[in-house]
Amino acid sequence: MAKASKKKPAAKAKKVVAKKVVKKAAPKKAAAKKAKRKPNAALMKAMTPSPVLAEVVGAKPQPRGQITKNLWAYIKKNGLQDKINKRLINADEKLKKIFGGKSVVNMFEMTKLVSKHIG
């Protein structure tokens, strides 16, 4: 009888599993604080209202924004904003002088008319 040869079992093929490379996220940096906006010097310049406008907003020189703010305070205090269409302002006697005699003005036209009284 012939000797049975011992054969080594075939080498098992190694399974190559691709490993996912997980990169750690870089630590988030704290959001840089935004620098405060500097107000535009031209808008902050004190403007002197005309005598007609001074009756409503005051006679002392003020920036344009403050003049508009004071004008709106006057409009709200006296209930001059239209009840239905809030964009319209119903002028009283003081505002008619500023608005060139118009009795109803929209808020965008108002700023244009008021700018004629600031100098």
C-alpha atoms as a PDB file:
ATOM      1  CA  MET A   1       0.000   0.000   0.000  1.00  0.00           C
ATOM      2  CA  ALA A   2       1.143   3.318  -0.781  1.00  0.00           C
ATOM      3  CA  LYS A   3       1.479   5.805   1.925  1.00  0.00           C
ATOM      4  CA  ALA A   4      -1.133   8.427   1.938  1.00  0.00           C
ATOM      5  CA  SER A   5       0.590  11.676   1.656  1.00  0.00           C
ATOM      6  CA  LYS A   6      -0.400  14.275   4.047  1.00  0.00           C
ATOM      7  CA  LYS A   7      -1.342  17.317   2.181  1.00  0.00           C
ATOM      8  CA  LYS A   8      -1.502  20.534   3.959  1.00  0.00           C
ATOM      9  CA  PRO A   9      -4.791  22.145   3.551  1.00  0.00           C
ATOM     10  CA  ALA A  10      -4.671  25.051   1.179  1.00  0.00           C
ATOM     11  CA  ALA A  11      -3.755  28.244   2.939  1.00  0.00           C
ATOM     12  CA  LYS A  12      -6.876  30.126   3.755  1.00  0.00           C
ATOM     13  CA  ALA A  13      -7.149  33.307   1.813  1.00  0.00           C
ATOM     14  CA  LYS A  14      -7.022  36.140   4.233  1.00  0.00           C
ATOM     15  CA  LYS A  15      -9.931  38.455   3.967  1.00  0.00           C
ATOM     16  CA  VAL A  16      -8.732  41.959   3.612  1.00  0.00           C
ATOM     17  CA  VAL A  17     -11.269  44.261   5.084  1.00  0.00           C
ATOM     18  CA  ALA A  18     -10.766  47.866   4.251  1.00  0.00           C
ATOM     19  CA  LYS A  19     -10.829  49.813   7.442  1.00  0.00           C
ATOM     20  CA  LYS A  20     -12.513  53.147   7.361  1.00  0.00           C
ATOM     21  CA  VAL A  21     -10.139  55.829   8.321  1.00  0.00           C
ATOM     22  CA  VAL A  22     -12.022  58.087  10.644  1.00  0.00           C
ATOM     23  CA  LYS A  23     -10.450  61.466  10.945  1.00  0.00           C
ATOM     24  CA  LYS A  24     -11.263  63.343  14.043  1.00  0.00           C
ATOM     25  CA  ALA A  25     -12.897  66.673  13.314  1.00  0.00           C
ATOM     26  CA  ALA A  26     -10.741  69.601  14.155  1.00  0.00           C
ATOM     27  CA  PRO A  27     -11.967  71.233  17.322  1.00  0.00           C
ATOM     28  CA  LYS A  28     -14.286  74.108  16.469  1.00  0.00           C
ATOM     29  CA  LYS A  29     -12.855  77.482  17.138  1.00  0.00           C
ATOM     30  CA  ALA A  30     -14.958  79.922  19.060  1.00  0.00           C
ATOM     31  CA  ALA A  31     -16.699  82.260  16.636  1.00  0.00           C
ATOM     32  CA  ALA A  32     -14.716  85.427  16.343  1.00  0.00           C
ATOM     33  CA  LYS A  33     -16.632  88.326  17.815  1.00  0.00           C
ATOM     34  CA  LYS A  34     -17.711  90.747  15.157  1.00  0.00           C
ATOM     35  CA  ALA A  35     -16.452  94.230  15.634  1.00  0.00           C
ATOM     36  CA  LYS A  36     -19.251  96.670  16.313  1.00  0.00           C
ATOM     37  CA  ARG A  37     -20.193  98.686  13.295  1.00  0.00           C
ATOM     38  CA  LYS A  38     -19.023 102.218  13.453  1.00  0.00           C
ATOM     39  CA  PRO A  39     -21.805 104.689  12.759  1.00  0.00           C
ATOM     40  CA  ASN A  40     -21.395 106.636   9.561  1.00  0.00           C
ATOM     41  CA  ALA A  41     -20.062 110.049  10.491  1.00  0.00           C
ATOM     42  CA  ALA A  42     -22.247 111.737   7.874  1.00  0.00           C
ATOM     43  CA  LEU A  43     -25.393 110.257   9.399  1.00  0.00           C
ATOM     44  CA  MET A  44     -24.359 111.181  12.936  1.00  0.00           C
ATOM     45  CA  LYS A  45     -23.628 114.806  12.041  1.00  0.00           C
ATOM     46  CA  ALA A  46     -25.883 117.196  13.946  1.00  0.00           C
ATOM     47  CA  MET A  47     -28.249 118.992  11.589  1.00  0.00           C
ATOM     48  CA  THR A  48     -30.200 122.122  12.465  1.00  0.00           C
ATOM     49  CA  PRO A  49     -33.936 121.858  11.749  1.00  0.00           C
ATOM     50  CA  SER A  50     -35.726 124.780  10.112  1.00  0.00           C
ATOM     51  CA  PRO A  51     -37.979 126.916  12.357  1.00  0.00           C
ATOM     52  CA  VAL A  52     -41.055 125.147  10.927  1.00  0.00           C
ATOM     53  CA  LEU A  53     -39.635 121.689  11.683  1.00  0.00           C
ATOM     54  CA  ALA A  54     -38.310 122.880  15.049  1.00  0.00           C
ATOM     55  CA  GLU A  55     -41.925 123.345  16.220  1.00  0.00           C
ATOM     56  CA  VAL A  56     -42.334 119.562  15.969  1.00  0.00           C
ATOM     57  CA  VAL A  57     -38.918 118.027  16.741  1.00  0.00           C
ATOM     58  CA  GLY A  58     -37.166 120.728  18.772  1.00  0.00           C
ATOM     59  CA  ALA A  59     -34.752 123.505  17.847  1.00  0.00           C
ATOM     60  CA  LYS A  60     -31.425 121.990  18.928  1.00  0.00           C
ATOM     61  CA  PRO A  61     -29.155 120.406  16.285  1.00  0.00           C
ATOM     62  CA  GLN A  62     -29.680 116.628  16.031  1.00  0.00           C
ATOM     63  CA  PRO A  63     -28.620 113.777  13.721  1.00  0.00           C
ATOM     64  CA  ARG A  64     -31.059 112.920  10.921  1.00  0.00           C
ATOM     65  CA  GLY A  65     -32.074 109.678  12.595  1.00  0.00           C
ATOM     66  CA  GLN A  66     -33.002 111.470  15.796  1.00  0.00           C
ATOM     67  CA  ILE A  67     -35.043 114.050  13.891  1.00  0.00           C
ATOM     68  CA  THR A  68     -36.977 111.251  12.165  1.00  0.00           C
ATOM     69  CA  LYS A  69     -37.435 109.466  15.499  1.00  0.00           C
ATOM     70  CA  ASN A  70     -38.815 112.627  17.113  1.00  0.00           C
ATOM     71  CA  LEU A  71     -41.112 113.221  14.136  1.00  0.00           C
ATOM     72  CA  TRP A  72     -42.531 109.692  14.453  1.00  0.00           C
ATOM     73  CA  ALA A  73     -42.999 110.207  18.200  1.00  0.00           C
ATOM     74  CA  TYR A  74     -45.060 113.331  17.389  1.00  0.00           C
ATOM     75  CA  ILE A  75     -47.111 111.443  14.780  1.00  0.00           C
ATOM     76  CA  LYS A  76     -47.844 108.543  17.165  1.00  0.00           C
ATOM     77  CA  LYS A  77     -48.588 110.831  20.124  1.00  0.00           C
ATOM     78  CA  ASN A  78     -51.168 112.801  18.130  1.00  0.00           C
ATOM     79  CA  GLY A  79     -52.646 109.754  16.331  1.00  0.00           C
ATOM     80  CA  LEU A  80     -51.821 111.079  12.865  1.00  0.00           C
ATOM     81  CA  GLN A  81     -51.028 107.716  11.286  1.00  0.00           C
ATOM     82  CA  ASP A  82     -53.904 106.469   9.124  1.00  0.00           C
ATOM     83  CA  LYS A  83     -55.878 103.696  10.862  1.00  0.00           C
ATOM     84  CA  ILE A  84     -56.427 101.568   7.740  1.00  0.00           C
ATOM     85  CA  ASN A  85     -53.297 102.208   5.665  1.00  0.00           C
ATOM     86  CA  LYS A  86     -50.493 102.636   8.204  1.00  0.00           C
ATOM     87  CA  ARG A  87     -48.136 103.974   5.520  1.00  0.00           C
ATOM     88  CA  LEU A  88     -50.113 107.214   5.299  1.00  0.00           C
ATOM     89  CA  ILE A  89     -49.727 110.150   7.636  1.00  0.00           C
ATOM     90  CA  ASN A  90     -52.662 112.549   8.038  1.00  0.00           C
ATOM     91  CA  ALA A  91     -51.050 115.940   8.589  1.00  0.00           C
ATOM     92  CA  ASP A  92     -52.217 118.410  11.214  1.00  0.00           C
ATOM     93  CA  GLU A  93     -51.536 122.156  10.863  1.00  0.00           C
ATOM     94  CA  LYS A  94     -47.892 121.904  11.981  1.00  0.00           C
ATOM     95  CA  LEU A  95     -47.128 119.006   9.643  1.00  0.00           C
ATOM     96  CA  LYS A  96     -48.905 120.628   6.688  1.00  0.00           C
ATOM     97  CA  LYS A  97     -46.297 123.410   6.821  1.00  0.00           C
ATOM     98  CA  ILE A  98     -43.516 120.804   6.688  1.00  0.00           C
ATOM     99  CA  PHE A  99     -45.231 118.710   3.989  1.00  0.00           C
ATOM    100  CA  GLY A 100     -45.727 121.680   1.657  1.00  0.00           C
ATOM    101  CA  GLY A 101     -49.474 122.011   2.260  1.00  0.00           C
ATOM    102  CA  LYS A 102     -50.314 118.335   1.645  1.00  0.00           C
ATOM    103  CA  SER A 103     -52.855 116.869   4.051  1.00  0.00           C
ATOM    104  CA  VAL A 104     -51.960 113.191   3.416  1.00  0.00           C
ATOM    105  CA  VAL A 105     -48.420 111.966   2.779  1.00  0.00           C
ATOM    106  CA  ASN A 106     -46.986 108.438   2.656  1.00  0.00           C
ATOM    107  CA  MET A 107     -44.087 107.665   4.973  1.00  0.00           C
ATOM    108  CA  PHE A 108     -41.520 107.488   2.167  1.00  0.00           C
ATOM    109  CA  GLU A 109     -42.546 110.853   0.753  1.00  0.00           C
ATOM    110  CA  MET A 110     -42.438 112.243   4.286  1.00  0.00           C
ATOM    111  CA  THR A 111     -38.674 111.720   4.614  1.00  0.00           C
ATOM    112  CA  LYS A 112     -38.117 113.451   1.281  1.00  0.00           C
ATOM    113  CA  LEU A 113     -40.205 116.452   2.361  1.00  0.00           C
ATOM    114  CA  VAL A 114     -38.587 116.646   5.795  1.00  0.00           C
ATOM    115  CA  SER A 115     -35.068 116.613   4.296  1.00  0.00           C
ATOM    116  CA  LYS A 116     -35.832 120.022   2.744  1.00  0.00           C
ATOM    117  CA  HIS A 117     -36.194 121.435   6.285  1.00  0.00           C
ATOM    118  CA  ILE A 118     -32.869 120.116   7.581  1.00  0.00           C
ATOM    119  CA  GLY A 119     -29.743 122.130   7.007  1.00  0.00           C
END
